[in-house]
Amino acid sequence: MLEQSFAASDNVVGLTLTDIKSMLEAETAVPDGYFTAAVSDKLVVYLLDVDDIVPRLAACITVDSALNLVVSLNQSLISPVHYEDIVSGSPVQLSQLVNLMARMKSWTTDVESWTLSGTVDMAVNVLKVGLSNL
């Protein structure tokens, strides 16, 4: 019975982005430093790096109304293959978002946690953006 209650309270399917934002803001397991914002028709969950004079977007998860995810680290897109063990496709549970936030925070603080394929993937995505701007 307790498991069913937890599963029901963790479910985000059918909720609005405002509801998910409120749930994240109330969740005690969210890693420190994250902020949430409703921008247009998207929920933006972001981690700022304020070590320098100018704050920098260290990590970001964007969720649209269809619960599609876009994940970026240091303003570079991250392919879903690098987090599909946490969430494959659209998130169905709040805990998936919280776990993804924790992984991204670890990526920002522990460079050695990144695989070579992850680093190459980020470089390819940066090059794609550069090419599209030419």
Protein backbone atom coordinates (compact mmCIF):
# COMPACT_ATOMS: atom_id res chain seq x y z
CA MET A 1 0.00 0.00 0.00
CA LEU A 2 2.83 2.40 0.84
CA GLU A 3 4.54 1.59 -2.48
CA GLN A 4 1.35 2.34 -4.41
CA SER A 5 0.95 5.64 -2.60
CA PHE A 6 4.54 6.63 -3.41
CA ALA A 7 4.17 5.57 -7.06
CA ALA A 8 1.01 7.64 -7.41
CA SER A 9 2.60 10.73 -5.87
CA ASP A 10 5.70 10.30 -8.08
CA ASN A 11 3.72 10.10 -11.34
CA VAL A 12 3.92 13.17 -13.62
CA VAL A 13 1.98 11.83 -16.60
CA GLY A 14 -0.99 14.07 -17.35
CA LEU A 15 0.23 16.90 -15.13
CA THR A 16 0.80 20.43 -16.34
CA LEU A 17 4.27 21.91 -16.39
CA THR A 18 3.18 24.24 -13.58
CA ASP A 19 2.22 21.19 -11.50
CA ILE A 20 5.59 19.54 -12.17
CA LYS A 21 7.39 22.78 -11.30
CA SER A 22 5.52 22.95 -7.99
CA MET A 23 6.34 19.32 -7.23
CA LEU A 24 10.04 19.90 -7.93
CA GLU A 25 10.08 22.99 -5.72
CA ALA A 26 8.51 20.99 -2.88
CA GLU A 27 10.74 17.94 -3.34
CA THR A 28 13.37 17.61 -0.62
CA ALA A 29 15.65 15.29 -2.67
CA VAL A 30 16.37 17.92 -5.36
CA PRO A 31 20.13 18.59 -5.45
CA ASP A 32 21.21 21.98 -4.08
CA GLY A 33 21.64 24.87 -6.48
CA TYR A 34 18.89 24.10 -8.97
CA PHE A 35 16.28 26.66 -10.00
CA THR A 36 13.06 26.22 -11.95
CA ALA A 37 11.32 28.59 -14.32
CA ALA A 38 8.30 28.45 -16.58
CA VAL A 39 9.37 30.01 -19.87
CA SER A 40 6.84 30.12 -22.72
CA ASP A 41 5.41 26.61 -22.88
CA LYS A 42 8.44 24.96 -21.27
CA LEU A 43 9.68 24.08 -17.81
CA VAL A 44 13.35 24.97 -17.41
CA VAL A 45 15.33 23.37 -14.60
CA TYR A 46 18.79 24.85 -14.40
CA LEU A 47 21.98 24.94 -12.38
CA LEU A 48 24.02 28.14 -12.37
CA ASP A 49 27.76 28.23 -11.86
CA VAL A 50 28.52 31.43 -9.98
CA ASP A 51 32.21 30.80 -9.23
CA ASP A 52 33.29 33.49 -11.67
CA ILE A 53 32.21 37.10 -11.91
CA VAL A 54 29.68 36.29 -14.63
CA PRO A 55 27.22 33.48 -13.81
CA ARG A 56 27.19 30.63 -16.31
CA LEU A 57 24.53 28.04 -17.12
CA ALA A 58 26.23 24.83 -15.97
CA ALA A 59 23.36 22.39 -16.56
CA CYS A 60 19.84 22.61 -17.89
CA ILE A 61 16.85 20.33 -18.39
CA THR A 62 14.04 21.68 -20.55
CA VAL A 63 10.68 19.90 -20.52
CA ASP A 64 7.94 20.80 -22.98
CA SER A 65 4.20 20.21 -22.55
CA ALA A 66 4.49 16.76 -24.19
CA LEU A 67 7.17 15.91 -21.58
CA ASN A 68 9.94 15.84 -24.17
CA LEU A 69 13.37 16.47 -22.64
CA VAL A 70 16.28 18.55 -23.88
CA VAL A 71 19.36 18.23 -21.70
CA SER A 72 22.42 20.45 -21.87
CA LEU A 73 25.66 20.77 -19.98
CA ASN A 74 27.77 23.91 -20.25
CA GLN A 75 25.42 25.04 -23.02
CA SER A 76 26.09 21.90 -25.11
CA LEU A 77 23.35 19.42 -25.92
CA ILE A 78 23.64 16.00 -24.32
CA SER A 79 22.38 13.03 -26.32
CA PRO A 80 19.77 10.89 -24.56
CA VAL A 81 22.07 7.85 -24.75
CA HIS A 82 24.04 9.36 -21.83
CA TYR A 83 21.05 9.35 -19.46
CA GLU A 84 18.69 6.73 -20.87
CA ASP A 85 19.40 4.52 -17.85
CA ILE A 86 17.58 7.15 -15.78
CA VAL A 87 14.90 8.27 -18.21
CA SER A 88 14.27 6.77 -21.62
CA GLY A 89 11.97 8.94 -23.69
CA SER A 90 9.65 11.14 -21.68
CA PRO A 91 9.78 11.16 -17.89
CA VAL A 92 6.86 9.47 -16.17
CA GLN A 93 8.06 9.98 -12.60
CA LEU A 94 9.30 13.03 -10.74
CA SER A 95 12.10 10.88 -9.31
CA GLN A 96 13.48 10.42 -12.83
CA LEU A 97 13.90 14.18 -13.15
CA VAL A 98 15.47 14.40 -9.69
CA ASN A 99 17.91 11.60 -10.52
CA LEU A 100 18.79 13.27 -13.83
CA MET A 101 19.43 16.52 -11.97
CA ALA A 102 21.77 14.69 -9.59
CA ARG A 103 23.69 13.09 -12.47
CA MET A 104 24.07 16.41 -14.24
CA LYS A 105 25.31 18.07 -11.08
CA SER A 106 27.92 15.34 -10.70
CA TRP A 107 28.98 15.91 -14.31
CA THR A 108 29.56 19.60 -13.53
CA THR A 109 31.67 18.88 -10.46
CA ASP A 110 33.54 15.70 -11.44
CA VAL A 111 35.12 15.89 -14.89
CA GLU A 112 36.35 12.32 -14.54
CA SER A 113 32.76 11.05 -14.35
CA TRP A 114 32.36 11.84 -18.05
CA THR A 115 33.10 9.09 -20.53
CA LEU A 116 35.13 9.69 -23.67
CA SER A 117 32.00 9.12 -25.78
CA GLY A 118 30.16 11.77 -23.75
CA THR A 119 32.93 14.29 -24.30
CA VAL A 120 33.06 13.54 -28.03
CA ASP A 121 29.27 13.79 -28.21
CA MET A 122 29.35 17.25 -26.62
CA ALA A 123 32.06 18.37 -29.05
CA VAL A 124 30.05 17.15 -32.04
CA ASN A 125 26.98 19.02 -30.83
CA VAL A 126 28.99 22.22 -30.38
CA LEU A 127 30.35 21.85 -33.92
CA LYS A 128 26.81 21.33 -35.28
CA VAL A 129 25.67 24.57 -33.64
CA GLY A 130 28.71 26.37 -35.04
CA LEU A 131 28.02 25.08 -38.55
CA SER A 132 24.39 26.12 -38.38
CA ASN A 133 25.47 29.66 -37.48
CA LEU A 134 27.70 30.03 -40.56
